[in-house]
Amino acid sequence: MVVGSSHTEFAVFTYSTTHLKYSDKVRFYYAIKGRDGKSGIIQDLKIEQLGRTALLVKKQHANTVEAFLKQWKCSYTRRAVWK
């Protein structure tokens, strides 16, 4: 957090799923968005999806999202932003 400011630190993740087979992409999207009444990581961590492969994540959840993307072997970038 920026001292003397009301801004909150977030991380923006952009990732790629091009390495995944179609069936694995489906499983990945179920894990990220949820399915059959089960919530995905986006709902669980209150993540804002900025686009198809871009996520705005609160700083305290950034390491969890990073581990999730590593588990799926997704290439990604992580940038710190303030909002």
PDB file of N, CA and C in Angstrom:
ATOM      1  N   MET A   1       0.843  -1.177   0.000  1.00  0.00           N
ATOM      2  CA  MET A   1       0.000   0.000   0.000  1.00  0.00           C
ATOM      3  C   MET A   1       0.885   1.236   0.000  1.00  0.00           C
ATOM      4  N   VAL A   2       0.485   2.241  -0.706  1.00  0.00           N
ATOM      5  CA  VAL A   2       1.216   3.492  -0.772  1.00  0.00           C
ATOM      6  C   VAL A   2       0.939   4.270   0.510  1.00  0.00           C
ATOM      7  N   VAL A   3       2.001   4.710   1.188  1.00  0.00           N
ATOM      8  CA  VAL A   3       1.855   5.425   2.448  1.00  0.00           C
ATOM      9  C   VAL A   3       1.121   6.739   2.212  1.00  0.00           C
ATOM     10  N   GLY A   4       0.151   7.037   3.091  1.00  0.00           N
ATOM     11  CA  GLY A   4      -0.589   8.281   2.981  1.00  0.00           C
ATOM     12  C   GLY A   4      -1.585   8.299   1.838  1.00  0.00           C
ATOM     13  N   SER A   5      -1.949   7.143   1.345  1.00  0.00           N
ATOM     14  CA  SER A   5      -2.862   7.059   0.215  1.00  0.00           C
ATOM     15  C   SER A   5      -3.974   6.073   0.540  1.00  0.00           C
ATOM     16  N   SER A   6      -5.086   6.223  -0.119  1.00  0.00           N
ATOM     17  CA  SER A   6      -6.196   5.299   0.086  1.00  0.00           C
ATOM     18  C   SER A   6      -6.212   4.202  -0.982  1.00  0.00           C
ATOM     19  N   HIS A   7      -5.141   4.079  -1.732  1.00  0.00           N
ATOM     20  CA  HIS A   7      -5.066   3.065  -2.781  1.00  0.00           C
ATOM     21  C   HIS A   7      -4.682   1.711  -2.185  1.00  0.00           C
ATOM     22  N   THR A   8      -5.162   0.657  -2.808  1.00  0.00           N
ATOM     23  CA  THR A   8      -4.881  -0.707  -2.384  1.00  0.00           C
ATOM     24  C   THR A   8      -4.039  -1.394  -3.449  1.00  0.00           C
ATOM     25  N   GLU A   9      -3.079  -2.212  -3.000  1.00  0.00           N
ATOM     26  CA  GLU A   9      -2.217  -2.918  -3.949  1.00  0.00           C
ATOM     27  C   GLU A   9      -2.897  -4.187  -4.448  1.00  0.00           C
ATOM     28  N   PHE A  10      -2.808  -4.385  -5.750  1.00  0.00           N
ATOM     29  CA  PHE A  10      -3.332  -5.569  -6.426  1.00  0.00           C
ATOM     30  C   PHE A  10      -2.230  -6.138  -7.315  1.00  0.00           C
ATOM     31  N   ALA A  11      -2.474  -7.321  -7.844  1.00  0.00           N
ATOM     32  CA  ALA A  11      -1.607  -7.900  -8.867  1.00  0.00           C
ATOM     33  C   ALA A  11      -2.472  -8.177 -10.092  1.00  0.00           C
ATOM     34  N   VAL A  12      -1.954  -7.854 -11.250  1.00  0.00           N
ATOM     35  CA  VAL A  12      -2.619  -8.215 -12.503  1.00  0.00           C
ATOM     36  C   VAL A  12      -1.855  -9.396 -13.085  1.00  0.00           C
ATOM     37  N   PHE A  13      -2.565 -10.482 -13.310  1.00  0.00           N
ATOM     38  CA  PHE A  13      -1.991 -11.661 -13.945  1.00  0.00           C
ATOM     39  C   PHE A  13      -2.542 -11.768 -15.358  1.00  0.00           C
ATOM     40  N   THR A  14      -1.658 -11.958 -16.315  1.00  0.00           N
ATOM     41  CA  THR A  14      -2.063 -12.357 -17.659  1.00  0.00           C
ATOM     42  C   THR A  14      -1.430 -13.726 -17.889  1.00  0.00           C
ATOM     43  N   TYR A  15      -2.174 -14.630 -18.475  1.00  0.00           N
ATOM     44  CA  TYR A  15      -1.684 -16.003 -18.609  1.00  0.00           C
ATOM     45  C   TYR A  15      -2.076 -16.585 -19.961  1.00  0.00           C
ATOM     46  N   SER A  16      -1.437 -17.693 -20.293  1.00  0.00           N
ATOM     47  CA  SER A  16      -1.706 -18.382 -21.549  1.00  0.00           C
ATOM     48  C   SER A  16      -2.064 -19.839 -21.268  1.00  0.00           C
ATOM     49  N   THR A  17      -3.038 -20.346 -22.009  1.00  0.00           N
ATOM     50  CA  THR A  17      -3.418 -21.758 -21.906  1.00  0.00           C
ATOM     51  C   THR A  17      -3.183 -22.491 -23.229  1.00  0.00           C
ATOM     52  N   THR A  18      -2.387 -21.904 -24.111  1.00  0.00           N
ATOM     53  CA  THR A  18      -2.187 -22.500 -25.437  1.00  0.00           C
ATOM     54  C   THR A  18      -1.513 -23.869 -25.370  1.00  0.00           C
ATOM     55  N   HIS A  19      -0.787 -24.143 -24.294  1.00  0.00           N
ATOM     56  CA  HIS A  19      -0.095 -25.427 -24.159  1.00  0.00           C
ATOM     57  C   HIS A  19      -1.035 -26.560 -23.751  1.00  0.00           C
ATOM     58  N   LEU A  20      -2.237 -26.233 -23.294  1.00  0.00           N
ATOM     59  CA  LEU A  20      -3.170 -27.250 -22.805  1.00  0.00           C
ATOM     60  C   LEU A  20      -3.967 -27.872 -23.950  1.00  0.00           C
ATOM     61  N   LYS A  21      -4.196 -29.182 -23.840  1.00  0.00           N
ATOM     62  CA  LYS A  21      -5.095 -29.858 -24.775  1.00  0.00           C
ATOM     63  C   LYS A  21      -6.511 -29.367 -24.494  1.00  0.00           C
ATOM     64  N   TYR A  22      -7.402 -29.566 -25.450  1.00  0.00           N
ATOM     65  CA  TYR A  22      -8.774 -29.072 -25.297  1.00  0.00           C
ATOM     66  C   TYR A  22      -9.409 -29.555 -23.990  1.00  0.00           C
ATOM     67  N   SER A  23      -9.300 -30.845 -23.698  1.00  0.00           N
ATOM     68  CA  SER A  23      -9.934 -31.380 -22.486  1.00  0.00           C
ATOM     69  C   SER A  23      -9.324 -30.768 -21.224  1.00  0.00           C
ATOM     70  N   ASP A  24      -8.017 -30.495 -21.251  1.00  0.00           N
ATOM     71  CA  ASP A  24      -7.377 -29.859 -20.099  1.00  0.00           C
ATOM     72  C   ASP A  24      -7.783 -28.391 -19.976  1.00  0.00           C
ATOM     73  N   LYS A  25      -8.017 -27.731 -21.110  1.00  0.00           N
ATOM     74  CA  LYS A  25      -8.505 -26.343 -21.063  1.00  0.00           C
ATOM     75  C   LYS A  25      -9.875 -26.285 -20.394  1.00  0.00           C
ATOM     76  N   VAL A  26     -10.721 -27.247 -20.715  1.00  0.00           N
ATOM     77  CA  VAL A  26     -12.049 -27.299 -20.099  1.00  0.00           C
ATOM     78  C   VAL A  26     -11.903 -27.478 -18.590  1.00  0.00           C
ATOM     79  N   ARG A  27     -11.066 -28.397 -18.159  1.00  0.00           N
ATOM     80  CA  ARG A  27     -10.831 -28.615 -16.728  1.00  0.00           C
ATOM     81  C   ARG A  27     -10.267 -27.363 -16.068  1.00  0.00           C
ATOM     82  N   PHE A  28      -9.346 -26.676 -16.760  1.00  0.00           N
ATOM     83  CA  PHE A  28      -8.763 -25.441 -16.238  1.00  0.00           C
ATOM     84  C   PHE A  28      -9.851 -24.389 -16.035  1.00  0.00           C
ATOM     85  N   TYR A  29     -10.699 -24.192 -17.026  1.00  0.00           N
ATOM     86  CA  TYR A  29     -11.755 -23.182 -16.910  1.00  0.00           C
ATOM     87  C   TYR A  29     -12.779 -23.548 -15.842  1.00  0.00           C
ATOM     88  N   TYR A  30     -13.055 -24.834 -15.644  1.00  0.00           N
ATOM     89  CA  TYR A  30     -13.928 -25.225 -14.533  1.00  0.00           C
ATOM     90  C   TYR A  30     -13.260 -24.885 -13.199  1.00  0.00           C
ATOM     91  N   ALA A  31     -11.956 -25.111 -13.108  1.00  0.00           N
ATOM     92  CA  ALA A  31     -11.236 -24.806 -11.864  1.00  0.00           C
ATOM     93  C   ALA A  31     -11.193 -23.309 -11.601  1.00  0.00           C
ATOM     94  N   ILE A  32     -11.085 -22.525 -12.642  1.00  0.00           N
ATOM     95  CA  ILE A  32     -10.960 -21.079 -12.458  1.00  0.00           C
ATOM     96  C   ILE A  32     -12.329 -20.407 -12.290  1.00  0.00           C
ATOM     97  N   LYS A  33     -13.345 -20.898 -13.015  1.00  0.00           N
ATOM     98  CA  LYS A  33     -14.662 -20.247 -12.980  1.00  0.00           C
ATOM     99  C   LYS A  33     -15.715 -21.009 -12.190  1.00  0.00           C
ATOM    100  N   GLY A  34     -15.502 -22.293 -11.962  1.00  0.00           N
ATOM    101  CA  GLY A  34     -16.471 -23.093 -11.226  1.00  0.00           C
ATOM    102  C   GLY A  34     -17.383 -23.893 -12.141  1.00  0.00           C
ATOM    103  N   ARG A  35     -18.050 -24.882 -11.517  1.00  0.00           N
ATOM    104  CA  ARG A  35     -18.972 -25.750 -12.260  1.00  0.00           C
ATOM    105  C   ARG A  35     -19.799 -26.560 -11.270  1.00  0.00           C
ATOM    106  N   ASP A  36     -21.011 -26.905 -11.668  1.00  0.00           N
ATOM    107  CA  ASP A  36     -21.889 -27.779 -10.879  1.00  0.00           C
ATOM    108  C   ASP A  36     -22.061 -27.300  -9.439  1.00  0.00           C
ATOM    109  N   GLY A  37     -22.269 -26.023  -9.265  1.00  0.00           N
ATOM    110  CA  GLY A  37     -22.493 -25.493  -7.930  1.00  0.00           C
ATOM    111  C   GLY A  37     -21.241 -25.287  -7.107  1.00  0.00           C
ATOM    112  N   LYS A  38     -20.107 -25.714  -7.628  1.00  0.00           N
ATOM    113  CA  LYS A  38     -18.834 -25.494  -6.936  1.00  0.00           C
ATOM    114  C   LYS A  38     -18.220 -24.215  -7.477  1.00  0.00           C
ATOM    115  N   SER A  39     -17.724 -23.410  -6.568  1.00  0.00           N
ATOM    116  CA  SER A  39     -17.131 -22.153  -7.020  1.00  0.00           C
ATOM    117  C   SER A  39     -15.700 -22.386  -7.478  1.00  0.00           C
ATOM    118  N   GLY A  40     -15.278 -21.578  -8.412  1.00  0.00           N
ATOM    119  CA  GLY A  40     -13.902 -21.624  -8.877  1.00  0.00           C
ATOM    120  C   GLY A  40     -13.055 -20.638  -8.101  1.00  0.00           C
ATOM    121  N   ILE A  41     -11.803 -20.561  -8.458  1.00  0.00           N
ATOM    122  CA  ILE A  41     -10.864 -19.694  -7.755  1.00  0.00           C
ATOM    123  C   ILE A  41     -11.263 -18.217  -7.879  1.00  0.00           C
ATOM    124  N   ILE A  42     -11.888 -17.829  -8.986  1.00  0.00           N
ATOM    125  CA  ILE A  42     -12.308 -16.435  -9.163  1.00  0.00           C
ATOM    126  C   ILE A  42     -13.329 -16.043  -8.102  1.00  0.00           C
ATOM    127  N   GLN A  43     -14.314 -16.878  -7.893  1.00  0.00           N
ATOM    128  CA  GLN A  43     -15.341 -16.576  -6.891  1.00  0.00           C
ATOM    129  C   GLN A  43     -14.785 -16.730  -5.475  1.00  0.00           C
ATOM    130  N   ASP A  44     -14.025 -17.783  -5.235  1.00  0.00           N
ATOM    131  CA  ASP A  44     -13.490 -18.040  -3.892  1.00  0.00           C
ATOM    132  C   ASP A  44     -12.640 -16.889  -3.376  1.00  0.00           C
ATOM    133  N   LEU A  45     -11.810 -16.316  -4.252  1.00  0.00           N
ATOM    134  CA  LEU A  45     -10.876 -15.266  -3.831  1.00  0.00           C
ATOM    135  C   LEU A  45     -11.351 -13.865  -4.212  1.00  0.00           C
ATOM    136  N   LYS A  46     -12.573 -13.774  -4.734  1.00  0.00           N
ATOM    137  CA  LYS A  46     -13.146 -12.478  -5.142  1.00  0.00           C
ATOM    138  C   LYS A  46     -12.226 -11.744  -6.127  1.00  0.00           C
ATOM    139  N   ILE A  47     -11.851 -12.471  -7.166  1.00  0.00           N
ATOM    140  CA  ILE A  47     -10.966 -11.956  -8.209  1.00  0.00           C
ATOM    141  C   ILE A  47     -11.810 -11.283  -9.280  1.00  0.00           C
ATOM    142  N   GLU A  48     -11.307 -10.194  -9.823  1.00  0.00           N
ATOM    143  CA  GLU A  48     -11.980  -9.520 -10.930  1.00  0.00           C
ATOM    144  C   GLU A  48     -11.333  -9.982 -12.232  1.00  0.00           C
ATOM    145  N   GLN A  49     -12.135 -10.545 -13.119  1.00  0.00           N
ATOM    146  CA  GLN A  49     -11.618 -10.979 -14.413  1.00  0.00           C
ATOM    147  C   GLN A  49     -11.664  -9.790 -15.358  1.00  0.00           C
ATOM    148  N   LEU A  50     -10.491  -9.346 -15.806  1.00  0.00           N
ATOM    149  CA  LEU A  50     -10.382  -8.167 -16.662  1.00  0.00           C
ATOM    150  C   LEU A  50     -10.599  -8.499 -18.129  1.00  0.00           C
ATOM    151  N   GLY A  51     -10.350  -9.728 -18.479  1.00  0.00           N
ATOM    152  CA  GLY A  51     -10.486 -10.190 -19.854  1.00  0.00           C
ATOM    153  C   GLY A  51     -10.406 -11.700 -19.846  1.00  0.00           C
ATOM    154  N   ARG A  52     -10.354 -12.285 -21.024  1.00  0.00           N
ATOM    155  CA  ARG A  52     -10.356 -13.746 -21.110  1.00  0.00           C
ATOM    156  C   ARG A  52      -9.189 -14.379 -20.350  1.00  0.00           C
ATOM    157  N   THR A  53      -8.023 -13.755 -20.398  1.00  0.00           N
ATOM    158  CA  THR A  53      -6.846 -14.323 -19.724  1.00  0.00           C
ATOM    159  C   THR A  53      -6.146 -13.286 -18.853  1.00  0.00           C
ATOM    160  N   ALA A  54      -6.922 -12.426 -18.228  1.00  0.00           N
ATOM    161  CA  ALA A  54      -6.358 -11.392 -17.355  1.00  0.00           C
ATOM    162  C   ALA A  54      -7.170 -11.312 -16.069  1.00  0.00           C
ATOM    163  N   LEU A  55      -6.466 -11.307 -14.942  1.00  0.00           N
ATOM    164  CA  LEU A  55      -7.108 -11.304 -13.630  1.00  0.00           C
ATOM    165  C   LEU A  55      -6.553 -10.183 -12.766  1.00  0.00           C
ATOM    166  N   LEU A  56      -7.434  -9.512 -12.032  1.00  0.00           N
ATOM    167  CA  LEU A  56      -7.041  -8.512 -11.046  1.00  0.00           C
ATOM    168  C   LEU A  56      -7.239  -9.150  -9.677  1.00  0.00           C
ATOM    169  N   VAL A  57      -6.134  -9.313  -8.942  1.00  0.00           N
ATOM    170  CA  VAL A  57      -6.125 -10.089  -7.704  1.00  0.00           C
ATOM    171  C   VAL A  57      -5.643  -9.222  -6.548  1.00  0.00           C
ATOM    172  N   LYS A  58      -6.331  -9.297  -5.411  1.00  0.00           N
ATOM    173  CA  LYS A  58      -5.853  -8.595  -4.220  1.00  0.00           C
ATOM    174  C   LYS A  58      -4.481  -9.144  -3.851  1.00  0.00           C
ATOM    175  N   LYS A  59      -3.626  -8.266  -3.344  1.00  0.00           N
ATOM    176  CA  LYS A  59      -2.242  -8.641  -3.040  1.00  0.00           C
ATOM    177  C   LYS A  59      -2.168  -9.886  -2.153  1.00  0.00           C
ATOM    178  N   GLN A  60      -3.046  -9.986  -1.160  1.00  0.00           N
ATOM    179  CA  GLN A  60      -2.967 -11.115  -0.227  1.00  0.00           C
ATOM    180  C   GLN A  60      -3.289 -12.454  -0.882  1.00  0.00           C
ATOM    181  N   HIS A  61      -3.890 -12.447  -2.074  1.00  0.00           N
ATOM    182  CA  HIS A  61      -4.211 -13.693  -2.782  1.00  0.00           C
ATOM    183  C   HIS A  61      -3.290 -13.954  -3.974  1.00  0.00           C
ATOM    184  N   ALA A  62      -2.362 -13.054  -4.231  1.00  0.00           N
ATOM    185  CA  ALA A  62      -1.518 -13.164  -5.426  1.00  0.00           C
ATOM    186  C   ALA A  62      -0.680 -14.442  -5.431  1.00  0.00           C
ATOM    187  N   ASN A  63      -0.123 -14.822  -4.298  1.00  0.00           N
ATOM    188  CA  ASN A  63       0.700 -16.037  -4.260  1.00  0.00           C
ATOM    189  C   ASN A  63      -0.139 -17.291  -4.511  1.00  0.00           C
ATOM    190  N   THR A  64      -1.384 -17.287  -4.062  1.00  0.00           N
ATOM    191  CA  THR A  64      -2.286 -18.417  -4.303  1.00  0.00           C
ATOM    192  C   THR A  64      -2.577 -18.556  -5.795  1.00  0.00           C
ATOM    193  N   VAL A  65      -2.841 -17.434  -6.452  1.00  0.00           N
ATOM    194  CA  VAL A  65      -3.117 -17.455  -7.894  1.00  0.00           C
ATOM    195  C   VAL A  65      -1.866 -17.877  -8.657  1.00  0.00           C
ATOM    196  N   GLU A  66      -0.719 -17.385  -8.228  1.00  0.00           N
ATOM    197  CA  GLU A  66       0.537 -17.771  -8.877  1.00  0.00           C
ATOM    198  C   GLU A  66       0.755 -19.280  -8.765  1.00  0.00           C
ATOM    199  N   ALA A  67       0.507 -19.851  -7.595  1.00  0.00           N
ATOM    200  CA  ALA A  67       0.652 -21.299  -7.407  1.00  0.00           C
ATOM    201  C   ALA A  67      -0.347 -22.062  -8.281  1.00  0.00           C
ATOM    202  N   PHE A  68      -1.563 -21.548  -8.403  1.00  0.00           N
ATOM    203  CA  PHE A  68      -2.589 -22.164  -9.249  1.00  0.00           C
ATOM    204  C   PHE A  68      -2.121 -22.218 -10.703  1.00  0.00           C
ATOM    205  N   LEU A  69      -1.599 -21.100 -11.205  1.00  0.00           N
ATOM    206  CA  LEU A  69      -1.126 -21.050 -12.596  1.00  0.00           C
ATOM    207  C   LEU A  69       0.089 -21.952 -12.801  1.00  0.00           C
ATOM    208  N   LYS A  70       0.973 -22.024 -11.815  1.00  0.00           N
ATOM    209  CA  LYS A  70       2.129 -22.924 -11.910  1.00  0.00           C
ATOM    210  C   LYS A  70       1.678 -24.378 -11.920  1.00  0.00           C
ATOM    211  N   GLN A  71       0.674 -24.702 -11.121  1.00  0.00           N
ATOM    212  CA  GLN A  71       0.148 -26.067 -11.071  1.00  0.00           C
ATOM    213  C   GLN A  71      -0.357 -26.503 -12.448  1.00  0.00           C
ATOM    214  N   TRP A  72      -0.947 -25.576 -13.182  1.00  0.00           N
ATOM    215  CA  TRP A  72      -1.450 -25.862 -14.524  1.00  0.00           C
ATOM    216  C   TRP A  72      -0.385 -25.640 -15.593  1.00  0.00           C
ATOM    217  N   LYS A  73       0.826 -25.285 -15.174  1.00  0.00           N
ATOM    218  CA  LYS A  73       1.965 -25.055 -16.073  1.00  0.00           C
ATOM    219  C   LYS A  73       1.669 -23.966 -17.114  1.00  0.00           C
ATOM    220  N   CYS A  74       0.931 -22.950 -16.687  1.00  0.00           N
ATOM    221  CA  CYS A  74       0.609 -21.811 -17.558  1.00  0.00           C
ATOM    222  C   CYS A  74       1.747 -20.806 -17.515  1.00  0.00           C
ATOM    223  N   SER A  75       2.109 -20.275 -18.665  1.00  0.00           N
ATOM    224  CA  SER A  75       3.033 -19.144 -18.660  1.00  0.00           C
ATOM    225  C   SER A  75       2.206 -17.920 -18.272  1.00  0.00           C
ATOM    226  N   TYR A  76       2.810 -17.030 -17.495  1.00  0.00           N
ATOM    227  CA  TYR A  76       2.055 -15.880 -17.005  1.00  0.00           C
ATOM    228  C   TYR A  76       2.992 -14.723 -16.699  1.00  0.00           C
ATOM    229  N   THR A  77       2.404 -13.549 -16.586  1.00  0.00           N
ATOM    230  CA  THR A  77       3.122 -12.381 -16.077  1.00  0.00           C
ATOM    231  C   THR A  77       2.324 -11.852 -14.896  1.00  0.00           C
ATOM    232  N   ARG A  78       3.059 -11.280 -13.957  1.00  0.00           N
ATOM    233  CA  ARG A  78       2.446 -10.712 -12.748  1.00  0.00           C
ATOM    234  C   ARG A  78       2.954  -9.283 -12.611  1.00  0.00           C
ATOM    235  N   ARG A  79       2.022  -8.355 -12.499  1.00  0.00           N
ATOM    236  CA  ARG A  79       2.393  -6.945 -12.348  1.00  0.00           C
ATOM    237  C   ARG A  79       1.676  -6.367 -11.140  1.00  0.00           C
ATOM    238  N   ALA A  80       2.390  -5.563 -10.363  1.00  0.00           N
ATOM    239  CA  ALA A  80       1.782  -4.874  -9.225  1.00  0.00           C
ATOM    240  C   ALA A  80       1.089  -3.614  -9.722  1.00  0.00           C
ATOM    241  N   VAL A  81      -0.128  -3.393  -9.245  1.00  0.00           N
ATOM    242  CA  VAL A  81      -0.887  -2.189  -9.581  1.00  0.00           C
ATOM    243  C   VAL A  81      -1.586  -1.691  -8.321  1.00  0.00           C
ATOM    244  N   TRP A  82      -1.973  -0.425  -8.331  1.00  0.00           N
ATOM    245  CA  TRP A  82      -2.706   0.153  -7.207  1.00  0.00           C
ATOM    246  C   TRP A  82      -4.025   0.676  -7.721  1.00  0.00           C
ATOM    247  N   LYS A  83      -5.047   0.487  -6.932  1.00  0.00           N
ATOM    248  CA  LYS A  83      -6.398   0.881  -7.341  1.00  0.00           C
ATOM    249  C   LYS A  83      -7.062   1.604  -6.187  1.00  0.00           C
TER     250      LYS A  83
END
